[in-house]
Amino acid sequence: MNAAETMGSTAPFRTQSGLTPYSGPFTEADLVHLLRRTMFGVKRSDLSYFKGRTLNQVVGELLTPTAPSPAPPVKEYTIAATPGVNPDTTVAQGTTWVNNFNNDGTVQSLRPGVATVIAQKMANGKYDQSRS
């Protein structure tokens, strides 16, 4: 029994190619379809950027993007969440707080990492190791 029969359909499959590399024409309609399936919609700028490239070139670039990683978030605030408390005293204004783990009661201590969350749950007897 094939997949079409198990799904209650007697329609034949459209593609019988298996793992054979695609060798047909790569049209604009194919490009739009590929970009819709691999990105969040298609903008005209995306279409014009990839237009004229081969299927292998487009897929290669989609799988290995050249855009740089975004910069980490930085401390841009000075207003205390609690009056009289200086938030993130160990983080200088304009620097990132991502790798600053502390437990001093400041804003950063409210951003626990995964290890901190697990340690807290283990200490409270609420961590189920069978689920990890």
C-alpha atoms as a PDB file:
ATOM      1  CA  MET A   1       0.000   0.000   0.000  1.00  0.00           C
ATOM      2  CA  ASN A   2       1.444   3.385  -0.947  1.00  0.00           C
ATOM      3  CA  ALA A   3       0.984   6.723   0.831  1.00  0.00           C
ATOM      4  CA  ALA A   4      -1.773   7.840  -1.557  1.00  0.00           C
ATOM      5  CA  GLU A   5      -3.813   4.764  -0.680  1.00  0.00           C
ATOM      6  CA  THR A   6      -3.313   5.189   3.067  1.00  0.00           C
ATOM      7  CA  MET A   7      -4.523   8.776   2.824  1.00  0.00           C
ATOM      8  CA  GLY A   8      -7.734   7.627   1.127  1.00  0.00           C
ATOM      9  CA  SER A   9      -6.779   8.947  -2.274  1.00  0.00           C
ATOM     10  CA  THR A  10      -6.273   7.041  -5.484  1.00  0.00           C
ATOM     11  CA  ALA A  11      -4.524   9.949  -7.179  1.00  0.00           C
ATOM     12  CA  PRO A  12      -0.988   9.103  -8.339  1.00  0.00           C
ATOM     13  CA  PHE A  13       1.985  10.917  -6.855  1.00  0.00           C
ATOM     14  CA  ARG A  14       3.154  13.991  -8.767  1.00  0.00           C
ATOM     15  CA  THR A  15       6.833  13.247  -8.209  1.00  0.00           C
ATOM     16  CA  GLN A  16       8.558   9.941  -8.743  1.00  0.00           C
ATOM     17  CA  SER A  17      12.124  11.341  -8.665  1.00  0.00           C
ATOM     18  CA  GLY A  18      13.295  10.020  -5.290  1.00  0.00           C
ATOM     19  CA  LEU A  19      16.795  11.316  -4.551  1.00  0.00           C
ATOM     20  CA  THR A  20      17.674  12.031  -8.163  1.00  0.00           C
ATOM     21  CA  PRO A  21      18.885  15.650  -8.453  1.00  0.00           C
ATOM     22  CA  TYR A  22      16.394  17.984 -10.103  1.00  0.00           C
ATOM     23  CA  SER A  23      17.382  18.700 -13.688  1.00  0.00           C
ATOM     24  CA  GLY A  24      14.357  20.548 -15.078  1.00  0.00           C
ATOM     25  CA  PRO A  25      14.068  24.262 -15.779  1.00  0.00           C
ATOM     26  CA  PHE A  26      14.217  26.629 -12.804  1.00  0.00           C
ATOM     27  CA  THR A  27      11.531  29.163 -13.640  1.00  0.00           C
ATOM     28  CA  GLU A  28      10.449  32.330 -11.839  1.00  0.00           C
ATOM     29  CA  ALA A  29       7.391  30.438 -10.559  1.00  0.00           C
ATOM     30  CA  ASP A  30       9.729  27.786  -9.102  1.00  0.00           C
ATOM     31  CA  LEU A  31      11.838  30.517  -7.483  1.00  0.00           C
ATOM     32  CA  VAL A  32       8.762  32.149  -5.925  1.00  0.00           C
ATOM     33  CA  HIS A  33       7.588  28.764  -4.640  1.00  0.00           C
ATOM     34  CA  LEU A  34      11.019  27.954  -3.158  1.00  0.00           C
ATOM     35  CA  LEU A  35      11.299  31.341  -1.446  1.00  0.00           C
ATOM     36  CA  ARG A  36       7.775  31.077  -0.032  1.00  0.00           C
ATOM     37  CA  ARG A  37       8.608  27.658   1.429  1.00  0.00           C
ATOM     38  CA  THR A  38      11.972  28.700   2.889  1.00  0.00           C
ATOM     39  CA  MET A  39      11.387  32.302   3.961  1.00  0.00           C
ATOM     40  CA  PHE A  40       8.600  34.347   5.495  1.00  0.00           C
ATOM     41  CA  GLY A  41       6.944  35.247   2.224  1.00  0.00           C
ATOM     42  CA  VAL A  42       8.584  36.775  -0.828  1.00  0.00           C
ATOM     43  CA  LYS A  43       9.448  40.441  -1.220  1.00  0.00           C
ATOM     44  CA  ARG A  44      10.220  41.952  -4.596  1.00  0.00           C
ATOM     45  CA  SER A  45      13.758  42.653  -3.372  1.00  0.00           C
ATOM     46  CA  ASP A  46      14.243  38.943  -2.543  1.00  0.00           C
ATOM     47  CA  LEU A  47      12.923  37.915  -5.936  1.00  0.00           C
ATOM     48  CA  SER A  48      15.166  40.354  -7.806  1.00  0.00           C
ATOM     49  CA  TYR A  49      18.173  39.327  -5.689  1.00  0.00           C
ATOM     50  CA  PHE A  50      17.839  35.615  -6.532  1.00  0.00           C
ATOM     51  CA  LYS A  51      16.522  36.017 -10.092  1.00  0.00           C
ATOM     52  CA  GLY A  52      18.913  34.727 -12.737  1.00  0.00           C
ATOM     53  CA  ARG A  53      20.675  32.292 -10.386  1.00  0.00           C
ATOM     54  CA  THR A  54      20.602  28.540 -10.716  1.00  0.00           C
ATOM     55  CA  LEU A  55      18.652  26.301  -8.359  1.00  0.00           C
ATOM     56  CA  ASN A  56      21.893  25.130  -6.725  1.00  0.00           C
ATOM     57  CA  GLN A  57      23.070  28.720  -6.182  1.00  0.00           C
ATOM     58  CA  VAL A  58      19.759  29.763  -4.586  1.00  0.00           C
ATOM     59  CA  VAL A  59      19.538  26.710  -2.324  1.00  0.00           C
ATOM     60  CA  GLY A  60      23.214  27.083  -1.390  1.00  0.00           C
ATOM     61  CA  GLU A  61      22.719  30.670  -0.300  1.00  0.00           C
ATOM     62  CA  LEU A  62      19.490  29.929   1.558  1.00  0.00           C
ATOM     63  CA  LEU A  63      21.258  27.191   3.532  1.00  0.00           C
ATOM     64  CA  THR A  64      24.407  29.226   4.221  1.00  0.00           C
ATOM     65  CA  PRO A  65      23.349  32.861   4.722  1.00  0.00           C
ATOM     66  CA  THR A  66      26.081  35.461   4.557  1.00  0.00           C
ATOM     67  CA  ALA A  67      24.366  38.033   6.749  1.00  0.00           C
ATOM     68  CA  PRO A  68      26.236  38.734   9.993  1.00  0.00           C
ATOM     69  CA  SER A  69      24.738  37.778  13.333  1.00  0.00           C
ATOM     70  CA  PRO A  70      22.965  40.640  15.079  1.00  0.00           C
ATOM     71  CA  ALA A  71      24.728  42.430  17.892  1.00  0.00           C
ATOM     72  CA  PRO A  72      23.727  41.350  21.395  1.00  0.00           C
ATOM     73  CA  PRO A  73      21.238  43.538  23.279  1.00  0.00           C
ATOM     74  CA  VAL A  74      22.716  46.303  25.413  1.00  0.00           C
ATOM     75  CA  LYS A  75      21.707  48.062  28.598  1.00  0.00           C
ATOM     76  CA  GLU A  76      19.852  51.197  27.551  1.00  0.00           C
ATOM     77  CA  TYR A  77      17.878  51.817  30.721  1.00  0.00           C
ATOM     78  CA  THR A  78      18.586  53.604  33.967  1.00  0.00           C
ATOM     79  CA  ILE A  79      15.116  53.717  35.507  1.00  0.00           C
ATOM     80  CA  ALA A  80      14.835  51.344  38.434  1.00  0.00           C
ATOM     81  CA  ALA A  81      12.111  48.720  38.421  1.00  0.00           C
ATOM     82  CA  THR A  82      11.870  49.224  42.171  1.00  0.00           C
ATOM     83  CA  PRO A  83      12.298  52.766  43.578  1.00  0.00           C
ATOM     84  CA  GLY A  84      15.675  53.175  45.257  1.00  0.00           C
ATOM     85  CA  VAL A  85      17.213  50.198  43.449  1.00  0.00           C
ATOM     86  CA  ASN A  86      19.778  50.642  40.691  1.00  0.00           C
ATOM     87  CA  PRO A  87      18.989  47.975  38.070  1.00  0.00           C
ATOM     88  CA  ASP A  88      21.891  45.854  36.837  1.00  0.00           C
ATOM     89  CA  THR A  89      24.604  47.465  38.939  1.00  0.00           C
ATOM     90  CA  THR A  90      27.211  45.124  37.459  1.00  0.00           C
ATOM     91  CA  VAL A  91      26.382  46.057  33.844  1.00  0.00           C
ATOM     92  CA  ALA A  92      27.748  49.334  32.490  1.00  0.00           C
ATOM     93  CA  GLN A  93      25.434  51.538  30.435  1.00  0.00           C
ATOM     94  CA  GLY A  94      25.776  50.661  26.727  1.00  0.00           C
ATOM     95  CA  THR A  95      27.234  47.178  27.295  1.00  0.00           C
ATOM     96  CA  THR A  96      25.513  43.827  26.936  1.00  0.00           C
ATOM     97  CA  TRP A  97      23.901  42.028  29.841  1.00  0.00           C
ATOM     98  CA  VAL A  98      23.665  38.662  28.095  1.00  0.00           C
ATOM     99  CA  ASN A  99      26.579  36.937  29.864  1.00  0.00           C
ATOM    100  CA  ASN A 100      26.230  38.749  33.190  1.00  0.00           C
ATOM    101  CA  PHE A 101      24.715  36.178  35.527  1.00  0.00           C
ATOM    102  CA  ASN A 102      24.207  37.296  39.103  1.00  0.00           C
ATOM    103  CA  ASN A 103      21.788  36.752  41.915  1.00  0.00           C
ATOM    104  CA  ASP A 104      21.990  40.075  43.718  1.00  0.00           C
ATOM    105  CA  GLY A 105      18.320  41.025  43.420  1.00  0.00           C
ATOM    106  CA  THR A 106      18.816  43.344  40.441  1.00  0.00           C
ATOM    107  CA  VAL A 107      17.036  43.138  37.110  1.00  0.00           C
ATOM    108  CA  GLN A 108      19.651  40.703  35.787  1.00  0.00           C
ATOM    109  CA  SER A 109      18.861  38.221  38.528  1.00  0.00           C
ATOM    110  CA  LEU A 110      15.356  38.027  37.032  1.00  0.00           C
ATOM    111  CA  ARG A 111      16.871  36.751  33.757  1.00  0.00           C
ATOM    112  CA  PRO A 112      18.029  33.297  34.824  1.00  0.00           C
ATOM    113  CA  GLY A 113      19.876  31.086  32.393  1.00  0.00           C
ATOM    114  CA  VAL A 114      18.830  27.496  31.763  1.00  0.00           C
ATOM    115  CA  ALA A 115      21.327  26.150  34.308  1.00  0.00           C
ATOM    116  CA  THR A 116      19.951  28.504  36.959  1.00  0.00           C
ATOM    117  CA  VAL A 117      16.364  27.431  36.284  1.00  0.00           C
ATOM    118  CA  ILE A 118      17.299  23.744  36.507  1.00  0.00           C
ATOM    119  CA  ALA A 119      19.298  24.305  39.714  1.00  0.00           C
ATOM    120  CA  GLN A 120      16.364  26.156  41.283  1.00  0.00           C
ATOM    121  CA  LYS A 121      13.914  23.408  40.307  1.00  0.00           C
ATOM    122  CA  MET A 122      16.252  20.705  41.612  1.00  0.00           C
ATOM    123  CA  ALA A 123      16.632  22.550  44.918  1.00  0.00           C
ATOM    124  CA  ASN A 124      12.836  22.734  45.222  1.00  0.00           C
ATOM    125  CA  GLY A 125      12.384  19.072  44.238  1.00  0.00           C
ATOM    126  CA  LYS A 126      10.408  20.093  41.117  1.00  0.00           C
ATOM    127  CA  TYR A 127      12.836  18.969  38.413  1.00  0.00           C
ATOM    128  CA  ASP A 128      11.942  15.768  36.586  1.00  0.00           C
ATOM    129  CA  GLN A 129      15.178  14.457  35.029  1.00  0.00           C
ATOM    130  CA  SER A 130      13.296  11.860  33.007  1.00  0.00           C
ATOM    131  CA  ARG A 131      11.854  14.693  30.875  1.00  0.00           C
ATOM    132  CA  SER A 132      15.215  16.161  29.879  1.00  0.00           C
END
